[in-house]
Amino acid sequence: MKSDLFDGLRGSTPILISTIPFAALYGAVAVANGQTVAEATLMSAIVFAGASQLVGIELFGHDVPMWVIVLSIFAVNFRHILYSAAIAPFIRHFSLLQKALSFFLLTDPQFAETLTRGETGRSVSFAWYFGFAATIYVGWVATTAVGAFFGSMIGDPAAIGIDVLLPIYFMGLVLGFRRRANFLSVVAVSAAVSIVAYRMVGTPWHVSIGAFAGVALAALLPPKAAAPLPTPAGAEAGE
């Protein structure tokens, strides 16, 4: 139990380092859109969804109905429904409370690492899951506060190119699955449909529409033999 917890804490440390600029960016953008440091930090603590927080904070600054903000955030975060379905076989042994906490802490890197760990035969214990998530969660909330505090010094994040961190972040996650069957065709169709939807429907609905197109194609294509996922260093059969 304790070894799984420390394994999770260690495993998420590199991810924490990579998300620090992203969290600081959100804090700066939140302050730029009229939130206080406390409000920005609280939003990170109770929402804990980087892309959705950025979408929401941009909409808060405009005169739009609340239902539009809620639906927009839902559209961006819809992928988490797919994430939870994909990792469900590996967390069936969690209690109801553990599952609720796990889904609250579910992020893109958490999903990717849980899926990889489960598919390589390693145990997905709640201690490991919580340890992996806790590092990211605490770091995200703390760095949001730092970014919000110094946000006035940054000014407009887009002016110095910090806003490019979000697409780079998601690109890295997508490439992490490049060894999977039909990867190129699914990504190509998803990207193309998303671009068309962006032009015809607008943001943020193009995210979900592109995702649906990729899922539909993946379901229709016959499976191909995929290269085995790399086993993490130190992993042993049955561990």
C-alpha atoms as a PDB file:
ATOM      1  CA  MET A   1       0.000   0.000   0.000  1.00  0.00           C
ATOM      2  CA  LYS A   2       2.649   2.509   1.074  1.00  0.00           C
ATOM      3  CA  SER A   3       4.962   1.505  -1.783  1.00  0.00           C
ATOM      4  CA  ASP A   4       2.139   2.069  -4.295  1.00  0.00           C
ATOM      5  CA  LEU A   5       1.502   5.517  -2.821  1.00  0.00           C
ATOM      6  CA  PHE A   6       5.149   6.537  -3.153  1.00  0.00           C
ATOM      7  CA  ASP A   7       5.266   5.013  -6.641  1.00  0.00           C
ATOM      8  CA  GLY A   8       2.386   7.257  -7.651  1.00  0.00           C
ATOM      9  CA  LEU A   9       3.961  10.332  -6.065  1.00  0.00           C
ATOM     10  CA  ARG A  10       7.243   9.701  -7.881  1.00  0.00           C
ATOM     11  CA  GLY A  11       5.577   8.922 -11.180  1.00  0.00           C
ATOM     12  CA  SER A  12       3.649  12.180 -11.362  1.00  0.00           C
ATOM     13  CA  THR A  13       6.541  14.473 -10.428  1.00  0.00           C
ATOM     14  CA  PRO A  14       7.687  15.010 -14.056  1.00  0.00           C
ATOM     15  CA  ILE A  15       4.080  15.785 -15.019  1.00  0.00           C
ATOM     16  CA  LEU A  16       3.818  18.290 -12.192  1.00  0.00           C
ATOM     17  CA  ILE A  17       6.862  20.117 -13.543  1.00  0.00           C
ATOM     18  CA  SER A  18       5.315  20.274 -17.012  1.00  0.00           C
ATOM     19  CA  THR A  19       1.965  21.588 -15.732  1.00  0.00           C
ATOM     20  CA  ILE A  20       3.420  24.367 -13.562  1.00  0.00           C
ATOM     21  CA  PRO A  21       3.551  26.892 -16.458  1.00  0.00           C
ATOM     22  CA  PHE A  22       0.014  25.904 -17.464  1.00  0.00           C
ATOM     23  CA  ALA A  23      -1.348  26.485 -13.943  1.00  0.00           C
ATOM     24  CA  ALA A  24       0.511  29.784 -13.658  1.00  0.00           C
ATOM     25  CA  LEU A  25      -0.964  30.809 -17.019  1.00  0.00           C
ATOM     26  CA  TYR A  26      -4.469  30.111 -15.758  1.00  0.00           C
ATOM     27  CA  GLY A  27      -3.849  32.153 -12.611  1.00  0.00           C
ATOM     28  CA  ALA A  28      -2.594  35.081 -14.669  1.00  0.00           C
ATOM     29  CA  VAL A  29      -5.513  34.879 -17.118  1.00  0.00           C
ATOM     30  CA  ALA A  30      -8.018  34.662 -14.242  1.00  0.00           C
ATOM     31  CA  VAL A  31      -6.669  37.831 -12.631  1.00  0.00           C
ATOM     32  CA  ALA A  32      -6.610  39.561 -16.014  1.00  0.00           C
ATOM     33  CA  ASN A  33     -10.326  38.742 -16.360  1.00  0.00           C
ATOM     34  CA  GLY A  34     -11.254  40.278 -13.023  1.00  0.00           C
ATOM     35  CA  GLN A  35     -10.920  37.472 -10.498  1.00  0.00           C
ATOM     36  CA  THR A  36      -9.086  37.880  -7.225  1.00  0.00           C
ATOM     37  CA  VAL A  37      -6.216  35.611  -6.216  1.00  0.00           C
ATOM     38  CA  ALA A  38      -8.519  33.789  -3.792  1.00  0.00           C
ATOM     39  CA  GLU A  39     -11.243  33.285  -6.417  1.00  0.00           C
ATOM     40  CA  ALA A  40      -8.794  31.947  -8.997  1.00  0.00           C
ATOM     41  CA  THR A  41      -7.282  29.548  -6.464  1.00  0.00           C
ATOM     42  CA  LEU A  42     -10.701  28.361  -5.286  1.00  0.00           C
ATOM     43  CA  MET A  43     -11.780  27.666  -8.853  1.00  0.00           C
ATOM     44  CA  SER A  44      -8.707  25.488  -9.394  1.00  0.00           C
ATOM     45  CA  ALA A  45      -9.441  23.643  -6.150  1.00  0.00           C
ATOM     46  CA  ILE A  46     -13.092  22.816  -6.861  1.00  0.00           C
ATOM     47  CA  VAL A  47     -13.118  22.551 -10.686  1.00  0.00           C
ATOM     48  CA  PHE A  48      -9.619  21.163 -11.341  1.00  0.00           C
ATOM     49  CA  ALA A  49      -9.889  21.110 -15.119  1.00  0.00           C
ATOM     50  CA  GLY A  50      -7.341  23.299 -16.856  1.00  0.00           C
ATOM     51  CA  ALA A  51      -8.847  23.663 -20.327  1.00  0.00           C
ATOM     52  CA  SER A  52     -12.371  24.086 -18.974  1.00  0.00           C
ATOM     53  CA  GLN A  53     -11.182  26.661 -16.456  1.00  0.00           C
ATOM     54  CA  LEU A  54      -9.584  28.711 -19.227  1.00  0.00           C
ATOM     55  CA  VAL A  55     -12.748  28.522 -21.351  1.00  0.00           C
ATOM     56  CA  GLY A  56     -14.914  29.456 -18.399  1.00  0.00           C
ATOM     57  CA  ILE A  57     -12.756  32.364 -17.288  1.00  0.00           C
ATOM     58  CA  GLU A  58     -12.801  33.844 -20.778  1.00  0.00           C
ATOM     59  CA  LEU A  59     -16.599  33.606 -20.925  1.00  0.00           C
ATOM     60  CA  PHE A  60     -17.047  35.064 -17.443  1.00  0.00           C
ATOM     61  CA  GLY A  61     -15.595  38.285 -18.749  1.00  0.00           C
ATOM     62  CA  HIS A  62     -18.307  38.636 -21.394  1.00  0.00           C
ATOM     63  CA  ASP A  63     -22.024  39.289 -21.170  1.00  0.00           C
ATOM     64  CA  VAL A  64     -23.208  35.742 -21.950  1.00  0.00           C
ATOM     65  CA  PRO A  65     -25.944  33.662 -20.251  1.00  0.00           C
ATOM     66  CA  MET A  66     -24.828  31.222 -17.551  1.00  0.00           C
ATOM     67  CA  TRP A  67     -26.230  28.237 -19.465  1.00  0.00           C
ATOM     68  CA  VAL A  68     -23.884  29.042 -22.358  1.00  0.00           C
ATOM     69  CA  ILE A  69     -20.911  28.960 -19.978  1.00  0.00           C
ATOM     70  CA  VAL A  70     -22.058  25.637 -18.474  1.00  0.00           C
ATOM     71  CA  LEU A  71     -22.596  24.013 -21.868  1.00  0.00           C
ATOM     72  CA  SER A  72     -19.296  25.349 -23.188  1.00  0.00           C
ATOM     73  CA  ILE A  73     -17.381  23.880 -20.252  1.00  0.00           C
ATOM     74  CA  PHE A  74     -19.277  20.607 -20.668  1.00  0.00           C
ATOM     75  CA  ALA A  75     -18.315  20.481 -24.350  1.00  0.00           C
ATOM     76  CA  VAL A  76     -14.633  20.953 -23.579  1.00  0.00           C
ATOM     77  CA  ASN A  77     -14.651  18.434 -20.731  1.00  0.00           C
ATOM     78  CA  PHE A  78     -16.800  15.833 -22.475  1.00  0.00           C
ATOM     79  CA  ARG A  79     -13.695  13.776 -23.200  1.00  0.00           C
ATOM     80  CA  HIS A  80     -13.607  12.840 -19.513  1.00  0.00           C
ATOM     81  CA  ILE A  81     -16.700  10.685 -20.032  1.00  0.00           C
ATOM     82  CA  LEU A  82     -14.673   8.679 -22.533  1.00  0.00           C
ATOM     83  CA  TYR A  83     -11.690   8.656 -20.183  1.00  0.00           C
ATOM     84  CA  SER A  84     -13.733   7.279 -17.290  1.00  0.00           C
ATOM     85  CA  ALA A  85     -15.209   4.544 -19.485  1.00  0.00           C
ATOM     86  CA  ALA A  86     -11.745   3.519 -20.686  1.00  0.00           C
ATOM     87  CA  ILE A  87     -10.223   3.170 -17.220  1.00  0.00           C
ATOM     88  CA  ALA A  88     -13.329   1.626 -15.617  1.00  0.00           C
ATOM     89  CA  PRO A  89     -12.084  -1.984 -16.022  1.00  0.00           C
ATOM     90  CA  PHE A  90      -8.954  -1.162 -14.017  1.00  0.00           C
ATOM     91  CA  ILE A  91     -10.695   0.507 -11.061  1.00  0.00           C
ATOM     92  CA  ARG A  92     -13.670  -1.820 -10.583  1.00  0.00           C
ATOM     93  CA  HIS A  93     -12.270  -2.851  -7.214  1.00  0.00           C
ATOM     94  CA  PHE A  94     -12.425   0.741  -5.882  1.00  0.00           C
ATOM     95  CA  SER A  95     -15.178   1.543  -3.389  1.00  0.00           C
ATOM     96  CA  LEU A  96     -17.927   3.982  -4.395  1.00  0.00           C
ATOM     97  CA  LEU A  97     -16.258   6.809  -2.473  1.00  0.00           C
ATOM     98  CA  GLN A  98     -12.875   5.975  -3.991  1.00  0.00           C
ATOM     99  CA  LYS A  99     -14.385   5.998  -7.483  1.00  0.00           C
ATOM    100  CA  ALA A 100     -16.011   9.390  -6.853  1.00  0.00           C
ATOM    101  CA  LEU A 101     -12.701  10.863  -5.695  1.00  0.00           C
ATOM    102  CA  SER A 102     -10.858   9.196  -8.569  1.00  0.00           C
ATOM    103  CA  PHE A 103     -13.162  10.717 -11.181  1.00  0.00           C
ATOM    104  CA  PHE A 104     -12.841  14.141  -9.569  1.00  0.00           C
ATOM    105  CA  LEU A 105      -9.049  13.835  -9.815  1.00  0.00           C
ATOM    106  CA  LEU A 106      -9.155  12.432 -13.363  1.00  0.00           C
ATOM    107  CA  THR A 107      -6.997  14.506 -15.691  1.00  0.00           C
ATOM    108  CA  ASP A 108      -5.439  13.883 -19.097  1.00  0.00           C
ATOM    109  CA  PRO A 109      -2.101  12.600 -17.744  1.00  0.00           C
ATOM    110  CA  GLN A 110      -3.896  10.612 -15.022  1.00  0.00           C
ATOM    111  CA  PHE A 111      -5.970   8.890 -17.691  1.00  0.00           C
ATOM    112  CA  ALA A 112      -2.970   8.168 -19.905  1.00  0.00           C
ATOM    113  CA  GLU A 113      -0.859   6.741 -17.086  1.00  0.00           C
ATOM    114  CA  THR A 114      -3.719   4.690 -15.597  1.00  0.00           C
ATOM    115  CA  LEU A 115      -4.532   3.165 -18.984  1.00  0.00           C
ATOM    116  CA  THR A 116      -0.874   2.376 -19.683  1.00  0.00           C
ATOM    117  CA  ARG A 117      -0.367   0.876 -16.242  1.00  0.00           C
ATOM    118  CA  GLY A 118      -3.486  -1.269 -16.502  1.00  0.00           C
ATOM    119  CA  GLU A 119      -2.770  -2.511 -20.004  1.00  0.00           C
ATOM    120  CA  THR A 120       0.786  -3.520 -19.120  1.00  0.00           C
ATOM    121  CA  GLY A 121      -0.489  -5.743 -16.329  1.00  0.00           C
ATOM    122  CA  ARG A 122       0.505  -3.593 -13.387  1.00  0.00           C
ATOM    123  CA  SER A 123      -1.833  -3.153 -10.437  1.00  0.00           C
ATOM    124  CA  VAL A 124      -3.924   0.028 -10.418  1.00  0.00           C
ATOM    125  CA  SER A 125      -4.452   0.368  -6.684  1.00  0.00           C
ATOM    126  CA  PHE A 126      -6.245   3.301  -5.110  1.00  0.00           C
ATOM    127  CA  ALA A 127      -3.065   4.174  -3.195  1.00  0.00           C
ATOM    128  CA  TRP A 128      -1.134   4.491  -6.474  1.00  0.00           C
ATOM    129  CA  TYR A 129      -3.960   6.385  -8.194  1.00  0.00           C
ATOM    130  CA  PHE A 130      -4.347   8.829  -5.313  1.00  0.00           C
ATOM    131  CA  GLY A 131      -0.602   9.355  -4.966  1.00  0.00           C
ATOM    132  CA  PHE A 132      -0.250  10.079  -8.681  1.00  0.00           C
ATOM    133  CA  ALA A 133      -3.205  12.495  -8.639  1.00  0.00           C
ATOM    134  CA  ALA A 134      -2.371  14.225  -5.348  1.00  0.00           C
ATOM    135  CA  THR A 135       0.948  15.574  -6.597  1.00  0.00           C
ATOM    136  CA  ILE A 136      -0.699  17.111  -9.660  1.00  0.00           C
ATOM    137  CA  TYR A 137      -3.676  18.465  -7.717  1.00  0.00           C
ATOM    138  CA  VAL A 138      -1.688  20.159  -4.952  1.00  0.00           C
ATOM    139  CA  GLY A 139       0.806  21.554  -7.445  1.00  0.00           C
ATOM    140  CA  TRP A 140      -1.960  22.820  -9.721  1.00  0.00           C
ATOM    141  CA  VAL A 141      -3.793  24.678  -6.972  1.00  0.00           C
ATOM    142  CA  ALA A 142      -0.606  26.105  -5.439  1.00  0.00           C
ATOM    143  CA  THR A 143       0.813  27.264  -8.770  1.00  0.00           C
ATOM    144  CA  THR A 144      -2.520  28.832  -9.698  1.00  0.00           C
ATOM    145  CA  ALA A 145      -2.208  31.012  -6.604  1.00  0.00           C
ATOM    146  CA  VAL A 146       1.351  31.984  -7.567  1.00  0.00           C
ATOM    147  CA  GLY A 147       0.341  32.754 -11.151  1.00  0.00           C
ATOM    148  CA  ALA A 148      -2.629  34.819  -9.972  1.00  0.00           C
ATOM    149  CA  PHE A 149      -0.487  36.722  -7.470  1.00  0.00           C
ATOM    150  CA  PHE A 150       2.061  37.694 -10.106  1.00  0.00           C
ATOM    151  CA  GLY A 151      -0.498  37.931 -12.906  1.00  0.00           C
ATOM    152  CA  SER A 152      -0.476  41.702 -12.996  1.00  0.00           C
ATOM    153  CA  MET A 153       3.251  41.591 -13.797  1.00  0.00           C
ATOM    154  CA  ILE A 154       2.702  39.320 -16.801  1.00  0.00           C
ATOM    155  CA  GLY A 155       0.053  41.467 -18.446  1.00  0.00           C
ATOM    156  CA  ASP A 156      -1.467  39.848 -21.553  1.00  0.00           C
ATOM    157  CA  PRO A 157      -0.213  36.206 -21.659  1.00  0.00           C
ATOM    158  CA  ALA A 158      -0.838  35.993 -25.411  1.00  0.00           C
ATOM    159  CA  ALA A 159       1.479  38.936 -26.048  1.00  0.00           C
ATOM    160  CA  ILE A 160       4.496  36.875 -24.948  1.00  0.00           C
ATOM    161  CA  GLY A 161       3.272  33.577 -26.361  1.00  0.00           C
ATOM    162  CA  ILE A 162       2.486  31.788 -23.089  1.00  0.00           C
ATOM    163  CA  ASP A 163      -0.958  30.830 -24.410  1.00  0.00           C
ATOM    164  CA  VAL A 164       0.721  28.304 -26.754  1.00  0.00           C
ATOM    165  CA  LEU A 165       1.285  26.002 -23.757  1.00  0.00           C
ATOM    166  CA  LEU A 166      -2.252  24.582 -23.951  1.00  0.00           C
ATOM    167  CA  PRO A 167      -2.074  23.177 -27.525  1.00  0.00           C
ATOM    168  CA  ILE A 168       1.474  21.898 -26.904  1.00  0.00           C
ATOM    169  CA  TYR A 169       0.265  20.131 -23.765  1.00  0.00           C
ATOM    170  CA  PHE A 170      -2.526  18.301 -25.595  1.00  0.00           C
ATOM    171  CA  MET A 171      -0.284  17.505 -28.560  1.00  0.00           C
ATOM    172  CA  GLY A 172       2.111  15.735 -26.219  1.00  0.00           C
ATOM    173  CA  LEU A 173      -0.719  13.646 -24.756  1.00  0.00           C
ATOM    174  CA  VAL A 174      -1.992  12.659 -28.203  1.00  0.00           C
ATOM    175  CA  LEU A 175       1.471  11.588 -29.375  1.00  0.00           C
ATOM    176  CA  GLY A 176       1.741   9.378 -26.317  1.00  0.00           C
ATOM    177  CA  PHE A 177      -0.757   7.038 -28.029  1.00  0.00           C
ATOM    178  CA  ARG A 178       0.991   6.989 -31.415  1.00  0.00           C
ATOM    179  CA  ARG A 179       1.726   3.253 -31.186  1.00  0.00           C
ATOM    180  CA  ARG A 180      -1.935   2.317 -31.030  1.00  0.00           C
ATOM    181  CA  ALA A 181      -3.852   0.706 -33.865  1.00  0.00           C
ATOM    182  CA  ASN A 182      -5.214   3.093 -36.526  1.00  0.00           C
ATOM    183  CA  PHE A 183      -3.643   6.056 -34.721  1.00  0.00           C
ATOM    184  CA  LEU A 184      -2.882   8.172 -37.801  1.00  0.00           C
ATOM    185  CA  SER A 185      -6.258   7.701 -39.480  1.00  0.00           C
ATOM    186  CA  VAL A 186      -8.232   8.391 -36.302  1.00  0.00           C
ATOM    187  CA  VAL A 187      -6.212  11.507 -35.456  1.00  0.00           C
ATOM    188  CA  ALA A 188      -6.385  12.796 -39.038  1.00  0.00           C
ATOM    189  CA  VAL A 189     -10.165  12.423 -39.251  1.00  0.00           C
ATOM    190  CA  SER A 190     -10.697  13.855 -35.779  1.00  0.00           C
ATOM    191  CA  ALA A 191      -8.520  16.873 -36.593  1.00  0.00           C
ATOM    192  CA  ALA A 192     -10.165  17.474 -39.980  1.00  0.00           C
ATOM    193  CA  VAL A 193     -13.698  17.266 -38.573  1.00  0.00           C
ATOM    194  CA  SER A 194     -12.718  19.496 -35.673  1.00  0.00           C
ATOM    195  CA  ILE A 195     -11.390  22.158 -38.055  1.00  0.00           C
ATOM    196  CA  VAL A 196     -14.544  22.050 -40.166  1.00  0.00           C
ATOM    197  CA  ALA A 197     -16.715  22.216 -37.035  1.00  0.00           C
ATOM    198  CA  TYR A 198     -14.690  25.176 -35.783  1.00  0.00           C
ATOM    199  CA  ARG A 199     -15.494  27.051 -39.004  1.00  0.00           C
ATOM    200  CA  MET A 200     -19.143  26.024 -39.209  1.00  0.00           C
ATOM    201  CA  VAL A 201     -20.268  25.647 -35.575  1.00  0.00           C
ATOM    202  CA  GLY A 202     -17.650  27.495 -33.575  1.00  0.00           C
ATOM    203  CA  THR A 203     -15.823  27.003 -30.322  1.00  0.00           C
ATOM    204  CA  PRO A 204     -15.903  25.078 -28.028  1.00  0.00           C
ATOM    205  CA  TRP A 205     -18.214  22.592 -29.762  1.00  0.00           C
ATOM    206  CA  HIS A 206     -15.561  21.675 -32.328  1.00  0.00           C
ATOM    207  CA  VAL A 207     -13.675  19.819 -29.579  1.00  0.00           C
ATOM    208  CA  SER A 208     -16.502  17.364 -28.872  1.00  0.00           C
ATOM    209  CA  ILE A 209     -17.520  17.047 -32.532  1.00  0.00           C
ATOM    210  CA  GLY A 210     -13.955  16.162 -33.519  1.00  0.00           C
ATOM    211  CA  ALA A 211     -13.751  13.674 -30.656  1.00  0.00           C
ATOM    212  CA  PHE A 212     -17.001  11.993 -31.712  1.00  0.00           C
ATOM    213  CA  ALA A 213     -15.706  11.673 -35.280  1.00  0.00           C
ATOM    214  CA  GLY A 214     -12.504  10.026 -34.059  1.00  0.00           C
ATOM    215  CA  VAL A 215     -14.402   7.626 -31.779  1.00  0.00           C
ATOM    216  CA  ALA A 216     -16.815   6.708 -34.597  1.00  0.00           C
ATOM    217  CA  LEU A 217     -13.968   5.955 -37.002  1.00  0.00           C
ATOM    218  CA  ALA A 218     -12.091   3.917 -34.398  1.00  0.00           C
ATOM    219  CA  ALA A 219     -15.244   1.830 -33.845  1.00  0.00           C
ATOM    220  CA  LEU A 220     -15.702   1.225 -37.579  1.00  0.00           C
ATOM    221  CA  LEU A 221     -12.122   0.392 -38.503  1.00  0.00           C
ATOM    222  CA  PRO A 222     -10.945  -3.208 -38.097  1.00  0.00           C
ATOM    223  CA  PRO A 223      -8.358  -3.591 -35.336  1.00  0.00           C
ATOM    224  CA  LYS A 224      -4.732  -3.886 -36.343  1.00  0.00           C
ATOM    225  CA  ALA A 225      -1.847  -5.417 -34.527  1.00  0.00           C
ATOM    226  CA  ALA A 226      -0.301  -2.599 -32.520  1.00  0.00           C
ATOM    227  CA  ALA A 227       3.191  -2.372 -31.143  1.00  0.00           C
ATOM    228  CA  PRO A 228       3.192  -3.266 -27.442  1.00  0.00           C
ATOM    229  CA  LEU A 229       3.076  -0.388 -25.022  1.00  0.00           C
ATOM    230  CA  PRO A 230       6.406   0.200 -23.287  1.00  0.00           C
ATOM    231  CA  THR A 231       6.607  -1.273 -19.824  1.00  0.00           C
ATOM    232  CA  PRO A 232       7.711   1.277 -17.198  1.00  0.00           C
ATOM    233  CA  ALA A 233      11.212   0.765 -15.859  1.00  0.00           C
ATOM    234  CA  GLY A 234      11.288  -1.689 -12.998  1.00  0.00           C
ATOM    235  CA  ALA A 235       7.937  -3.246 -13.821  1.00  0.00           C
ATOM    236  CA  GLU A 236       7.704  -6.998 -13.471  1.00  0.00           C
ATOM    237  CA  ALA A 237       5.109  -9.457 -14.677  1.00  0.00           C
ATOM    238  CA  GLY A 238       2.209  -9.640 -12.272  1.00  0.00           C
ATOM    239  CA  GLU A 239       3.423  -6.700 -10.182  1.00  0.00           C
END
